[in-house]
C-alpha atoms as a PDB file:
ATOM      1  CA  UNK A   1       0.034   0.058   0.165  1.00  0.00           C
ATOM      2  CA  UNK A   2       1.446   3.516  -1.067  1.00  0.00           C
ATOM      3  CA  UNK A   3       0.659   6.421   1.276  1.00  0.00           C
ATOM      4  CA  UNK A   4      -1.037   9.101  -0.651  1.00  0.00           C
ATOM      5  CA  UNK A   5       1.749  11.543   0.603  1.00  0.00           C
ATOM      6  CA  UNK A   6       4.437   9.968  -0.656  1.00  0.00           C
ATOM      7  CA  UNK A   7       3.073  11.202  -4.349  1.00  0.00           C
ATOM      8  CA  UNK A   8       3.660  14.989  -3.352  1.00  0.00           C
ATOM      9  CA  UNK A   9       6.526  16.544  -4.813  1.00  0.00           C
ATOM     10  CA  UNK A  10       9.406  16.355  -2.654  1.00  0.00           C
ATOM     11  CA  UNK A  11      11.647  19.287  -1.555  1.00  0.00           C
ATOM     12  CA  UNK A  12      15.168  18.941  -0.146  1.00  0.00           C
ATOM     13  CA  UNK A  13      15.647  21.402   2.272  1.00  0.00           C
ATOM     14  CA  UNK A  14      19.623  20.754   1.844  1.00  0.00           C
ATOM     15  CA  UNK A  15      19.368  21.697  -1.286  1.00  0.00           C
ATOM     16  CA  UNK A  16      16.891  24.630  -1.586  1.00  0.00           C
ATOM     17  CA  UNK A  17      18.201  27.963  -1.738  1.00  0.00           C
ATOM     18  CA  UNK A  18      15.074  29.467  -0.847  1.00  0.00           C
ATOM     19  CA  UNK A  19      15.109  31.758  -4.268  1.00  0.00           C
ATOM     20  CA  UNK A  20      11.251  31.662  -4.448  1.00  0.00           C
ATOM     21  CA  UNK A  21      11.129  30.777  -8.466  1.00  0.00           C
ATOM     22  CA  UNK A  22       8.841  27.458  -7.384  1.00  0.00           C
ATOM     23  CA  UNK A  23       6.642  29.387  -5.439  1.00  0.00           C
ATOM     24  CA  UNK A  24       6.307  32.257  -8.221  1.00  0.00           C
ATOM     25  CA  UNK A  25       5.792  29.597 -10.962  1.00  0.00           C
ATOM     26  CA  UNK A  26       3.233  27.333  -8.772  1.00  0.00           C
ATOM     27  CA  UNK A  27      -0.054  28.023 -10.374  1.00  0.00           C
ATOM     28  CA  UNK A  28      -2.254  27.018  -7.769  1.00  0.00           C
ATOM     29  CA  UNK A  29      -0.235  28.724  -4.861  1.00  0.00           C
ATOM     30  CA  UNK A  30       0.379  25.429  -3.186  1.00  0.00           C
ATOM     31  CA  UNK A  31       4.428  26.609  -2.288  1.00  0.00           C
ATOM     32  CA  UNK A  32       5.514  29.504   0.262  1.00  0.00           C
ATOM     33  CA  UNK A  33       8.589  29.925   2.058  1.00  0.00           C
ATOM     34  CA  UNK A  34       9.028  28.346   5.160  1.00  0.00           C
ATOM     35  CA  UNK A  35      12.105  29.331   7.815  1.00  0.00           C
ATOM     36  CA  UNK A  36      13.757  30.664   4.217  1.00  0.00           C
ATOM     37  CA  UNK A  37      12.898  27.278   2.439  1.00  0.00           C
ATOM     38  CA  UNK A  38      10.360  26.327  -0.048  1.00  0.00           C
ATOM     39  CA  UNK A  39       7.769  24.250   1.271  1.00  0.00           C
ATOM     40  CA  UNK A  40       4.409  22.407   0.166  1.00  0.00           C
ATOM     41  CA  UNK A  41       2.302  24.613   2.514  1.00  0.00           C
ATOM     42  CA  UNK A  42      -0.807  23.533   0.883  1.00  0.00           C
ATOM     43  CA  UNK A  43      -0.783  19.854  -0.593  1.00  0.00           C
ATOM     44  CA  UNK A  44      -4.621  19.860  -1.415  1.00  0.00           C
ATOM     45  CA  UNK A  45      -4.018  22.806  -4.107  1.00  0.00           C
ATOM     46  CA  UNK A  46      -1.182  20.699  -5.896  1.00  0.00           C
ATOM     47  CA  UNK A  47      -2.083  19.622  -9.237  1.00  0.00           C
ATOM     48  CA  UNK A  48       1.022  17.928 -10.081  1.00  0.00           C
ATOM     49  CA  UNK A  49       2.108  19.893 -13.042  1.00  0.00           C
ATOM     50  CA  UNK A  50       5.353  19.967 -12.482  1.00  0.00           C
ATOM     51  CA  UNK A  51       5.806  23.526 -12.839  1.00  0.00           C
ATOM     52  CA  UNK A  52       7.966  23.690  -9.459  1.00  0.00           C
ATOM     53  CA  UNK A  53      10.274  20.746 -10.416  1.00  0.00           C
ATOM     54  CA  UNK A  54      11.146  22.232 -13.677  1.00  0.00           C
ATOM     55  CA  UNK A  55      12.190  25.820 -12.357  1.00  0.00           C
ATOM     56  CA  UNK A  56      14.272  24.866  -9.622  1.00  0.00           C
ATOM     57  CA  UNK A  57      17.588  25.983 -10.413  1.00  0.00           C
ATOM     58  CA  UNK A  58      19.025  24.050  -7.681  1.00  0.00           C
ATOM     59  CA  UNK A  59      17.329  20.755  -8.735  1.00  0.00           C
ATOM     60  CA  UNK A  60      15.932  20.473  -4.957  1.00  0.00           C
ATOM     61  CA  UNK A  61      12.316  19.736  -6.059  1.00  0.00           C
ATOM     62  CA  UNK A  62      11.289  16.027  -7.307  1.00  0.00           C
ATOM     63  CA  UNK A  63       7.986  14.774  -8.246  1.00  0.00           C
ATOM     64  CA  UNK A  64       7.749  11.051  -7.955  1.00  0.00           C
ATOM     65  CA  UNK A  65       5.788   9.327 -10.836  1.00  0.00           C
ATOM     66  CA  UNK A  66       4.266   5.440 -10.561  1.00  0.00           C
ATOM     67  CA  UNK A  67       4.864   3.699 -14.279  1.00  0.00           C
ATOM     68  CA  UNK A  68       1.752   1.246 -14.710  1.00  0.00           C
ATOM     69  CA  UNK A  69       2.328  -1.525 -17.461  1.00  0.00           C
ATOM     70  CA  UNK A  70      -0.667  -2.297 -19.149  1.00  0.00           C
ATOM     71  CA  UNK A  71      -0.996  -5.501 -21.016  1.00  0.00           C
ATOM     72  CA  UNK A  72      -2.172  -5.409 -24.676  1.00  0.00           C
ATOM     73  CA  UNK A  73      -5.426  -6.804 -25.741  1.00  0.00           C
END
């Protein structure tokens, strides 16, 4: 069983520089700066669009993906 929270964007606080690019880019305003670092403050607003991951210059954000193989009919 997979915990639903494991599918939220993961932000590595050690890599995050607090530049705010991801926060500016987030279309749903799910991210905020907390203690000078990016954080997913409103996970219920996250649409998993990957904009934050794409814009992060430090590579501190990762969105896990599940790959499902579908058998051919």
